[in-house]
Amino acid sequence: MHRAQRFEVLLFAAGREAAGGAASVQVELAPGTPPTAGAVLAVLRAHPRLGAVAASSRLAVNHTFAAADTPIVPGDELALIPPVGGG
């Protein structure tokens, strides 16, 4: 029997603001869901407070932007990276 998997996702800038100042959130993948960057990002996009920010953000795994099919394992550092503007 597959168990749900939990991952901590670090938040920055607009993501941290949307989460009420929290530095991170816990994401739980449903049992049987392959643990990938895309699966975590899908959960974040469905989150009531983070959804709008996550819709335009990318997920970094261990300091590298990750493709949706990038596998993740417990202990990986995951971070929601919102778009950066500047001039």
PDB file of N, CA and C in Angstrom:
ATOM      1  N   MET A   1       0.840  -1.180   0.000  1.00  0.00           N
ATOM      2  CA  MET A   1       0.000   0.000   0.000  1.00  0.00           C
ATOM      3  C   MET A   1       0.886   1.246   0.000  1.00  0.00           C
ATOM      4  N   HIS A   2       0.561   2.176  -0.881  1.00  0.00           N
ATOM      5  CA  HIS A   2       1.322   3.415  -0.978  1.00  0.00           C
ATOM      6  C   HIS A   2       0.863   4.391   0.095  1.00  0.00           C
ATOM      7  N   ARG A   3       1.810   5.122   0.651  1.00  0.00           N
ATOM      8  CA  ARG A   3       1.489   6.150   1.636  1.00  0.00           C
ATOM      9  C   ARG A   3       1.685   7.524   1.011  1.00  0.00           C
ATOM     10  N   ALA A   4       0.987   8.488   1.581  1.00  0.00           N
ATOM     11  CA  ALA A   4       1.183   9.867   1.138  1.00  0.00           C
ATOM     12  C   ALA A   4       2.615  10.285   1.451  1.00  0.00           C
ATOM     13  N   GLN A   5       3.162  11.136   0.619  1.00  0.00           N
ATOM     14  CA  GLN A   5       4.510  11.643   0.830  1.00  0.00           C
ATOM     15  C   GLN A   5       4.431  13.142   1.088  1.00  0.00           C
ATOM     16  N   ARG A   6       5.222  13.605   2.045  1.00  0.00           N
ATOM     17  CA  ARG A   6       5.243  15.026   2.383  1.00  0.00           C
ATOM     18  C   ARG A   6       6.585  15.639   2.023  1.00  0.00           C
ATOM     19  N   PHE A   7       6.504  16.852   1.530  1.00  0.00           N
ATOM     20  CA  PHE A   7       7.692  17.603   1.157  1.00  0.00           C
ATOM     21  C   PHE A   7       7.555  19.026   1.675  1.00  0.00           C
ATOM     22  N   GLU A   8       8.653  19.581   2.149  1.00  0.00           N
ATOM     23  CA  GLU A   8       8.672  20.979   2.556  1.00  0.00           C
ATOM     24  C   GLU A   8       9.094  21.815   1.357  1.00  0.00           C
ATOM     25  N   VAL A   9       8.359  22.909   1.114  1.00  0.00           N
ATOM     26  CA  VAL A   9       8.670  23.814   0.017  1.00  0.00           C
ATOM     27  C   VAL A   9       8.972  25.185   0.613  1.00  0.00           C
ATOM     28  N   LEU A  10      10.167  25.692   0.325  1.00  0.00           N
ATOM     29  CA  LEU A  10      10.569  27.018   0.798  1.00  0.00           C
ATOM     30  C   LEU A  10       9.846  28.088  -0.019  1.00  0.00           C
ATOM     31  N   LEU A  11       9.504  29.182   0.656  1.00  0.00           N
ATOM     32  CA  LEU A  11       8.781  30.276   0.008  1.00  0.00           C
ATOM     33  C   LEU A  11       9.603  31.553   0.060  1.00  0.00           C
ATOM     34  N   PHE A  12       9.494  32.355  -0.992  1.00  0.00           N
ATOM     35  CA  PHE A  12      10.202  33.621  -1.072  1.00  0.00           C
ATOM     36  C   PHE A  12       9.273  34.680  -1.647  1.00  0.00           C
ATOM     37  N   ALA A  13       9.564  35.932  -1.359  1.00  0.00           N
ATOM     38  CA  ALA A  13       8.889  37.092  -1.948  1.00  0.00           C
ATOM     39  C   ALA A  13       7.369  36.945  -1.914  1.00  0.00           C
ATOM     40  N   ALA A  14       6.719  36.969  -3.082  1.00  0.00           N
ATOM     41  CA  ALA A  14       5.257  36.926  -3.158  1.00  0.00           C
ATOM     42  C   ALA A  14       4.689  35.636  -2.569  1.00  0.00           C
ATOM     43  N   GLY A  15       5.422  34.542  -2.677  1.00  0.00           N
ATOM     44  CA  GLY A  15       4.957  33.285  -2.087  1.00  0.00           C
ATOM     45  C   GLY A  15       4.896  33.376  -0.578  1.00  0.00           C
ATOM     46  N   ARG A  16       5.896  33.973   0.013  1.00  0.00           N
ATOM     47  CA  ARG A  16       5.924  34.138   1.467  1.00  0.00           C
ATOM     48  C   ARG A  16       4.807  35.086   1.909  1.00  0.00           C
ATOM     49  N   GLU A  17       4.594  36.162   1.154  1.00  0.00           N
ATOM     50  CA  GLU A  17       3.512  37.090   1.480  1.00  0.00           C
ATOM     51  C   GLU A  17       2.155  36.389   1.413  1.00  0.00           C
ATOM     52  N   ALA A  18       1.934  35.605   0.361  1.00  0.00           N
ATOM     53  CA  ALA A  18       0.661  34.904   0.191  1.00  0.00           C
ATOM     54  C   ALA A  18       0.416  33.900   1.314  1.00  0.00           C
ATOM     55  N   ALA A  19       1.477  33.367   1.884  1.00  0.00           N
ATOM     56  CA  ALA A  19       1.365  32.385   2.965  1.00  0.00           C
ATOM     57  C   ALA A  19       1.362  33.051   4.337  1.00  0.00           C
ATOM     58  N   GLY A  20       1.134  34.357   4.372  1.00  0.00           N
ATOM     59  CA  GLY A  20       1.066  35.056   5.646  1.00  0.00           C
ATOM     60  C   GLY A  20       2.403  35.200   6.349  1.00  0.00           C
ATOM     61  N   GLY A  21       3.473  35.190   5.587  1.00  0.00           N
ATOM     62  CA  GLY A  21       4.803  35.362   6.156  1.00  0.00           C
ATOM     63  C   GLY A  21       5.533  34.065   6.461  1.00  0.00           C
ATOM     64  N   ALA A  22       4.886  32.928   6.204  1.00  0.00           N
ATOM     65  CA  ALA A  22       5.526  31.638   6.471  1.00  0.00           C
ATOM     66  C   ALA A  22       6.732  31.448   5.542  1.00  0.00           C
ATOM     67  N   ALA A  23       7.794  30.890   6.077  1.00  0.00           N
ATOM     68  CA  ALA A  23       9.008  30.652   5.298  1.00  0.00           C
ATOM     69  C   ALA A  23       8.902  29.394   4.439  1.00  0.00           C
ATOM     70  N   SER A  24       7.950  28.518   4.771  1.00  0.00           N
ATOM     71  CA  SER A  24       7.790  27.284   4.008  1.00  0.00           C
ATOM     72  C   SER A  24       6.386  26.724   4.229  1.00  0.00           C
ATOM     73  N   VAL A  25       6.010  25.791   3.370  1.00  0.00           N
ATOM     74  CA  VAL A  25       4.749  25.057   3.518  1.00  0.00           C
ATOM     75  C   VAL A  25       5.041  23.579   3.313  1.00  0.00           C
ATOM     76  N   GLN A  26       4.204  22.752   3.893  1.00  0.00           N
ATOM     77  CA  GLN A  26       4.280  21.314   3.687  1.00  0.00           C
ATOM     78  C   GLN A  26       3.313  20.939   2.569  1.00  0.00           C
ATOM     79  N   VAL A  27       3.788  20.155   1.623  1.00  0.00           N
ATOM     80  CA  VAL A  27       2.964  19.669   0.524  1.00  0.00           C
ATOM     81  C   VAL A  27       2.846  18.164   0.671  1.00  0.00           C
ATOM     82  N   GLU A  28       1.636  17.667   0.596  1.00  0.00           N
ATOM     83  CA  GLU A  28       1.414  16.234   0.686  1.00  0.00           C
ATOM     84  C   GLU A  28       0.914  15.726  -0.657  1.00  0.00           C
ATOM     85  N   LEU A  29       1.627  14.745  -1.195  1.00  0.00           N
ATOM     86  CA  LEU A  29       1.208  14.102  -2.434  1.00  0.00           C
ATOM     87  C   LEU A  29       0.341  12.902  -2.084  1.00  0.00           C
ATOM     88  N   ALA A  30      -0.728  12.744  -2.807  1.00  0.00           N
ATOM     89  CA  ALA A  30      -1.653  11.646  -2.554  1.00  0.00           C
ATOM     90  C   ALA A  30      -0.951  10.304  -2.741  1.00  0.00           C
ATOM     91  N   PRO A  31      -1.397   9.293  -2.004  1.00  0.00           N
ATOM     92  CA  PRO A  31      -0.807   7.955  -2.173  1.00  0.00           C
ATOM     93  C   PRO A  31      -0.853   7.531  -3.641  1.00  0.00           C
ATOM     94  N   GLY A  32       0.251   6.991  -4.109  1.00  0.00           N
ATOM     95  CA  GLY A  32       0.335   6.522  -5.488  1.00  0.00           C
ATOM     96  C   GLY A  32       0.752   7.582  -6.490  1.00  0.00           C
ATOM     97  N   THR A  33       0.800   8.858  -6.072  1.00  0.00           N
ATOM     98  CA  THR A  33       1.228   9.922  -6.977  1.00  0.00           C
ATOM     99  C   THR A  33       2.741   9.871  -7.114  1.00  0.00           C
ATOM    100  N   PRO A  34       3.249   9.783  -8.340  1.00  0.00           N
ATOM    101  CA  PRO A  34       4.703   9.787  -8.503  1.00  0.00           C
ATOM    102  C   PRO A  34       5.283  11.093  -7.967  1.00  0.00           C
ATOM    103  N   PRO A  35       6.313  11.020  -7.140  1.00  0.00           N
ATOM    104  CA  PRO A  35       6.898  12.234  -6.579  1.00  0.00           C
ATOM    105  C   PRO A  35       7.761  12.967  -7.600  1.00  0.00           C
ATOM    106  N   THR A  36       7.165  13.986  -8.198  1.00  0.00           N
ATOM    107  CA  THR A  36       7.869  14.799  -9.190  1.00  0.00           C
ATOM    108  C   THR A  36       7.682  16.271  -8.859  1.00  0.00           C
ATOM    109  N   ALA A  37       8.517  17.090  -9.467  1.00  0.00           N
ATOM    110  CA  ALA A  37       8.397  18.534  -9.292  1.00  0.00           C
ATOM    111  C   ALA A  37       7.024  19.004  -9.774  1.00  0.00           C
ATOM    112  N   GLY A  38       6.548  18.455 -10.863  1.00  0.00           N
ATOM    113  CA  GLY A  38       5.244  18.840 -11.401  1.00  0.00           C
ATOM    114  C   GLY A  38       4.101  18.506 -10.460  1.00  0.00           C
ATOM    115  N   ALA A  39       4.191  17.372  -9.773  1.00  0.00           N
ATOM    116  CA  ALA A  39       3.144  16.990  -8.832  1.00  0.00           C
ATOM    117  C   ALA A  39       3.096  17.959  -7.660  1.00  0.00           C
ATOM    118  N   VAL A  40       4.252  18.366  -7.166  1.00  0.00           N
ATOM    119  CA  VAL A  40       4.306  19.338  -6.064  1.00  0.00           C
ATOM    120  C   VAL A  40       3.763  20.684  -6.538  1.00  0.00           C
ATOM    121  N   LEU A  41       4.169  21.112  -7.720  1.00  0.00           N
ATOM    122  CA  LEU A  41       3.698  22.384  -8.245  1.00  0.00           C
ATOM    123  C   LEU A  41       2.184  22.356  -8.456  1.00  0.00           C
ATOM    124  N   ALA A  42       1.624  21.236  -8.876  1.00  0.00           N
ATOM    125  CA  ALA A  42       0.169  21.118  -9.048  1.00  0.00           C
ATOM    126  C   ALA A  42      -0.555  21.303  -7.717  1.00  0.00           C
ATOM    127  N   VAL A  43      -0.010  20.733  -6.650  1.00  0.00           N
ATOM    128  CA  VAL A  43      -0.615  20.902  -5.323  1.00  0.00           C
ATOM    129  C   VAL A  43      -0.542  22.374  -4.913  1.00  0.00           C
ATOM    130  N   LEU A  44       0.589  23.011  -5.153  1.00  0.00           N
ATOM    131  CA  LEU A  44       0.732  24.424  -4.802  1.00  0.00           C
ATOM    132  C   LEU A  44      -0.221  25.295  -5.606  1.00  0.00           C
ATOM    133  N   ARG A  45      -0.438  24.966  -6.865  1.00  0.00           N
ATOM    134  CA  ARG A  45      -1.344  25.749  -7.713  1.00  0.00           C
ATOM    135  C   ARG A  45      -2.798  25.602  -7.278  1.00  0.00           C
ATOM    136  N   ALA A  46      -3.113  24.513  -6.590  1.00  0.00           N
ATOM    137  CA  ALA A  46      -4.471  24.298  -6.072  1.00  0.00           C
ATOM    138  C   ALA A  46      -4.635  24.843  -4.652  1.00  0.00           C
ATOM    139  N   HIS A  47      -3.565  25.311  -4.045  1.00  0.00           N
ATOM    140  CA  HIS A  47      -3.587  25.818  -2.671  1.00  0.00           C
ATOM    141  C   HIS A  47      -4.418  27.102  -2.620  1.00  0.00           C
ATOM    142  N   PRO A  48      -5.301  27.236  -1.622  1.00  0.00           N
ATOM    143  CA  PRO A  48      -6.163  28.414  -1.580  1.00  0.00           C
ATOM    144  C   PRO A  48      -5.432  29.750  -1.465  1.00  0.00           C
ATOM    145  N   ARG A  49      -4.303  29.782  -0.800  1.00  0.00           N
ATOM    146  CA  ARG A  49      -3.584  31.050  -0.635  1.00  0.00           C
ATOM    147  C   ARG A  49      -2.417  31.202  -1.596  1.00  0.00           C
ATOM    148  N   LEU A  50      -1.829  30.101  -2.008  1.00  0.00           N
ATOM    149  CA  LEU A  50      -0.629  30.168  -2.856  1.00  0.00           C
ATOM    150  C   LEU A  50      -0.919  29.964  -4.338  1.00  0.00           C
ATOM    151  N   GLY A  51      -2.138  29.583  -4.667  1.00  0.00           N
ATOM    152  CA  GLY A  51      -2.466  29.220  -6.043  1.00  0.00           C
ATOM    153  C   GLY A  51      -2.114  30.267  -7.075  1.00  0.00           C
ATOM    154  N   ALA A  52      -2.484  31.520  -6.815  1.00  0.00           N
ATOM    155  CA  ALA A  52      -2.220  32.580  -7.790  1.00  0.00           C
ATOM    156  C   ALA A  52      -0.721  32.803  -7.987  1.00  0.00           C
ATOM    157  N   VAL A  53       0.027  32.773  -6.915  1.00  0.00           N
ATOM    158  CA  VAL A  53       1.478  32.953  -7.017  1.00  0.00           C
ATOM    159  C   VAL A  53       2.106  31.748  -7.710  1.00  0.00           C
ATOM    160  N   ALA A  54       1.691  30.553  -7.315  1.00  0.00           N
ATOM    161  CA  ALA A  54       2.263  29.330  -7.884  1.00  0.00           C
ATOM    162  C   ALA A  54       1.982  29.211  -9.379  1.00  0.00           C
ATOM    163  N   ALA A  55       0.866  29.791  -9.840  1.00  0.00           N
ATOM    164  CA  ALA A  55       0.509  29.704 -11.258  1.00  0.00           C
ATOM    165  C   ALA A  55       1.557  30.348 -12.157  1.00  0.00           C
ATOM    166  N   SER A  56       2.278  31.333 -11.624  1.00  0.00           N
ATOM    167  CA  SER A  56       3.297  32.007 -12.441  1.00  0.00           C
ATOM    168  C   SER A  56       4.712  31.760 -11.918  1.00  0.00           C
ATOM    169  N   SER A  57       4.858  30.767 -11.053  1.00  0.00           N
ATOM    170  CA  SER A  57       6.162  30.480 -10.449  1.00  0.00           C
ATOM    171  C   SER A  57       6.758  29.191 -10.995  1.00  0.00           C
ATOM    172  N   ARG A  58       8.016  28.996 -10.675  1.00  0.00           N
ATOM    173  CA  ARG A  58       8.699  27.751 -11.024  1.00  0.00           C
ATOM    174  C   ARG A  58       9.146  27.077  -9.746  1.00  0.00           C
ATOM    175  N   LEU A  59       9.360  25.777  -9.832  1.00  0.00           N
ATOM    176  CA  LEU A  59       9.855  25.033  -8.678  1.00  0.00           C
ATOM    177  C   LEU A  59      11.328  24.720  -8.902  1.00  0.00           C
ATOM    178  N   ALA A  60      12.116  24.993  -7.899  1.00  0.00           N
ATOM    179  CA  ALA A  60      13.536  24.630  -7.931  1.00  0.00           C
ATOM    180  C   ALA A  60      13.737  23.427  -7.025  1.00  0.00           C
ATOM    181  N   VAL A  61      14.531  22.493  -7.496  1.00  0.00           N
ATOM    182  CA  VAL A  61      14.893  21.303  -6.719  1.00  0.00           C
ATOM    183  C   VAL A  61      16.401  21.337  -6.547  1.00  0.00           C
ATOM    184  N   ASN A  62      16.820  21.410  -5.296  1.00  0.00           N
ATOM    185  CA  ASN A  62      18.253  21.458  -4.986  1.00  0.00           C
ATOM    186  C   ASN A  62      18.971  22.562  -5.771  1.00  0.00           C
ATOM    187  N   HIS A  63      18.376  23.763  -5.746  1.00  0.00           N
ATOM    188  CA  HIS A  63      18.958  24.977  -6.306  1.00  0.00           C
ATOM    189  C   HIS A  63      18.965  25.035  -7.830  1.00  0.00           C
ATOM    190  N   THR A  64      18.176  24.177  -8.494  1.00  0.00           N
ATOM    191  CA  THR A  64      18.108  24.179  -9.949  1.00  0.00           C
ATOM    192  C   THR A  64      16.649  24.155 -10.378  1.00  0.00           C
ATOM    193  N   PHE A  65      16.276  25.031 -11.316  1.00  0.00           N
ATOM    194  CA  PHE A  65      14.907  24.983 -11.820  1.00  0.00           C
ATOM    195  C   PHE A  65      14.635  23.590 -12.362  1.00  0.00           C
ATOM    196  N   ALA A  66      13.461  23.063 -12.031  1.00  0.00           N
ATOM    197  CA  ALA A  66      13.142  21.680 -12.364  1.00  0.00           C
ATOM    198  C   ALA A  66      12.050  21.593 -13.422  1.00  0.00           C
ATOM    199  N   ALA A  67      12.191  20.633 -14.317  1.00  0.00           N
ATOM    200  CA  ALA A  67      11.126  20.297 -15.258  1.00  0.00           C
ATOM    201  C   ALA A  67      10.036  19.550 -14.496  1.00  0.00           C
ATOM    202  N   ALA A  68       8.848  19.535 -15.057  1.00  0.00           N
ATOM    203  CA  ALA A  68       7.715  18.883 -14.389  1.00  0.00           C
ATOM    204  C   ALA A  68       7.990  17.423 -14.067  1.00  0.00           C
ATOM    205  N   ASP A  69       8.736  16.750 -14.925  1.00  0.00           N
ATOM    206  CA  ASP A  69       8.961  15.314 -14.721  1.00  0.00           C
ATOM    207  C   ASP A  69      10.202  15.009 -13.860  1.00  0.00           C
ATOM    208  N   THR A  70      10.805  16.036 -13.270  1.00  0.00           N
ATOM    209  CA  THR A  70      11.965  15.817 -12.413  1.00  0.00           C
ATOM    210  C   THR A  70      11.552  15.054 -11.162  1.00  0.00           C
ATOM    211  N   PRO A  71      12.133  13.874 -10.920  1.00  0.00           N
ATOM    212  CA  PRO A  71      11.781  13.129  -9.706  1.00  0.00           C
ATOM    213  C   PRO A  71      12.338  13.814  -8.465  1.00  0.00           C
ATOM    214  N   ILE A  72      11.616  13.688  -7.365  1.00  0.00           N
ATOM    215  CA  ILE A  72      12.072  14.228  -6.093  1.00  0.00           C
ATOM    216  C   ILE A  72      12.041  13.122  -5.050  1.00  0.00           C
ATOM    217  N   VAL A  73      12.889  13.278  -4.054  1.00  0.00           N
ATOM    218  CA  VAL A  73      12.958  12.309  -2.960  1.00  0.00           C
ATOM    219  C   VAL A  73      12.991  13.080  -1.646  1.00  0.00           C
ATOM    220  N   PRO A  74      12.583  12.426  -0.549  1.00  0.00           N
ATOM    221  CA  PRO A  74      12.669  13.098   0.744  1.00  0.00           C
ATOM    222  C   PRO A  74      14.095  13.604   0.983  1.00  0.00           C
ATOM    223  N   GLY A  75      14.172  14.819   1.494  1.00  0.00           N
ATOM    224  CA  GLY A  75      15.474  15.426   1.739  1.00  0.00           C
ATOM    225  C   GLY A  75      15.890  16.412   0.666  1.00  0.00           C
ATOM    226  N   ASP A  76      15.257  16.348  -0.519  1.00  0.00           N
ATOM    227  CA  ASP A  76      15.543  17.354  -1.539  1.00  0.00           C
ATOM    228  C   ASP A  76      15.092  18.715  -1.036  1.00  0.00           C
ATOM    229  N   GLU A  77      15.804  19.758  -1.421  1.00  0.00           N
ATOM    230  CA  GLU A  77      15.379  21.112  -1.096  1.00  0.00           C
ATOM    231  C   GLU A  77      14.507  21.616  -2.238  1.00  0.00           C
ATOM    232  N   LEU A  78      13.242  21.902  -1.908  1.00  0.00           N
ATOM    233  CA  LEU A  78      12.292  22.411  -2.890  1.00  0.00           C
ATOM    234  C   LEU A  78      12.004  23.863  -2.569  1.00  0.00           C
ATOM    235  N   ALA A  79      11.930  24.700  -3.603  1.00  0.00           N
ATOM    236  CA  ALA A  79      11.647  26.120  -3.399  1.00  0.00           C
ATOM    237  C   ALA A  79      10.739  26.620  -4.508  1.00  0.00           C
ATOM    238  N   LEU A  80       9.715  27.366  -4.104  1.00  0.00           N
ATOM    239  CA  LEU A  80       8.820  28.016  -5.049  1.00  0.00           C
ATOM    240  C   LEU A  80       9.434  29.360  -5.403  1.00  0.00           C
ATOM    241  N   ILE A  81       9.771  29.541  -6.675  1.00  0.00           N
ATOM    242  CA  ILE A  81      10.466  30.758  -7.116  1.00  0.00           C
ATOM    243  C   ILE A  81       9.510  31.587  -7.978  1.00  0.00           C
ATOM    244  N   PRO A  82       9.020  32.716  -7.419  1.00  0.00           N
ATOM    245  CA  PRO A  82       8.132  33.569  -8.205  1.00  0.00           C
ATOM    246  C   PRO A  82       8.922  34.327  -9.261  1.00  0.00           C
ATOM    247  N   PRO A  83       8.208  34.879 -10.251  1.00  0.00           N
ATOM    248  CA  PRO A  83       8.903  35.664 -11.277  1.00  0.00           C
ATOM    249  C   PRO A  83       9.630  36.846 -10.638  1.00  0.00           C
ATOM    250  N   VAL A  84      10.763  37.190 -11.218  1.00  0.00           N
ATOM    251  CA  VAL A  84      11.563  38.299 -10.711  1.00  0.00           C
ATOM    252  C   VAL A  84      11.546  39.403 -11.754  1.00  0.00           C
ATOM    253  N   GLY A  85      11.221  40.578 -11.310  1.00  0.00           N
ATOM    254  CA  GLY A  85      11.243  41.739 -12.214  1.00  0.00           C
ATOM    255  C   GLY A  85      12.356  42.674 -11.791  1.00  0.00           C
ATOM    256  N   GLY A  86      12.698  43.539 -12.638  1.00  0.00           N
ATOM    257  CA  GLY A  86      13.734  44.495 -12.278  1.00  0.00           C
ATOM    258  C   GLY A  86      14.120  45.337 -13.479  1.00  0.00           C
ATOM    259  N   GLY A  87      15.056  46.155 -13.247  1.00  0.00           N
ATOM    260  CA  GLY A  87      15.421  47.009 -14.353  1.00  0.00           C
ATOM    261  C   GLY A  87      16.740  47.596 -14.226  1.00  0.00           C
TER     262      GLY A  87
END
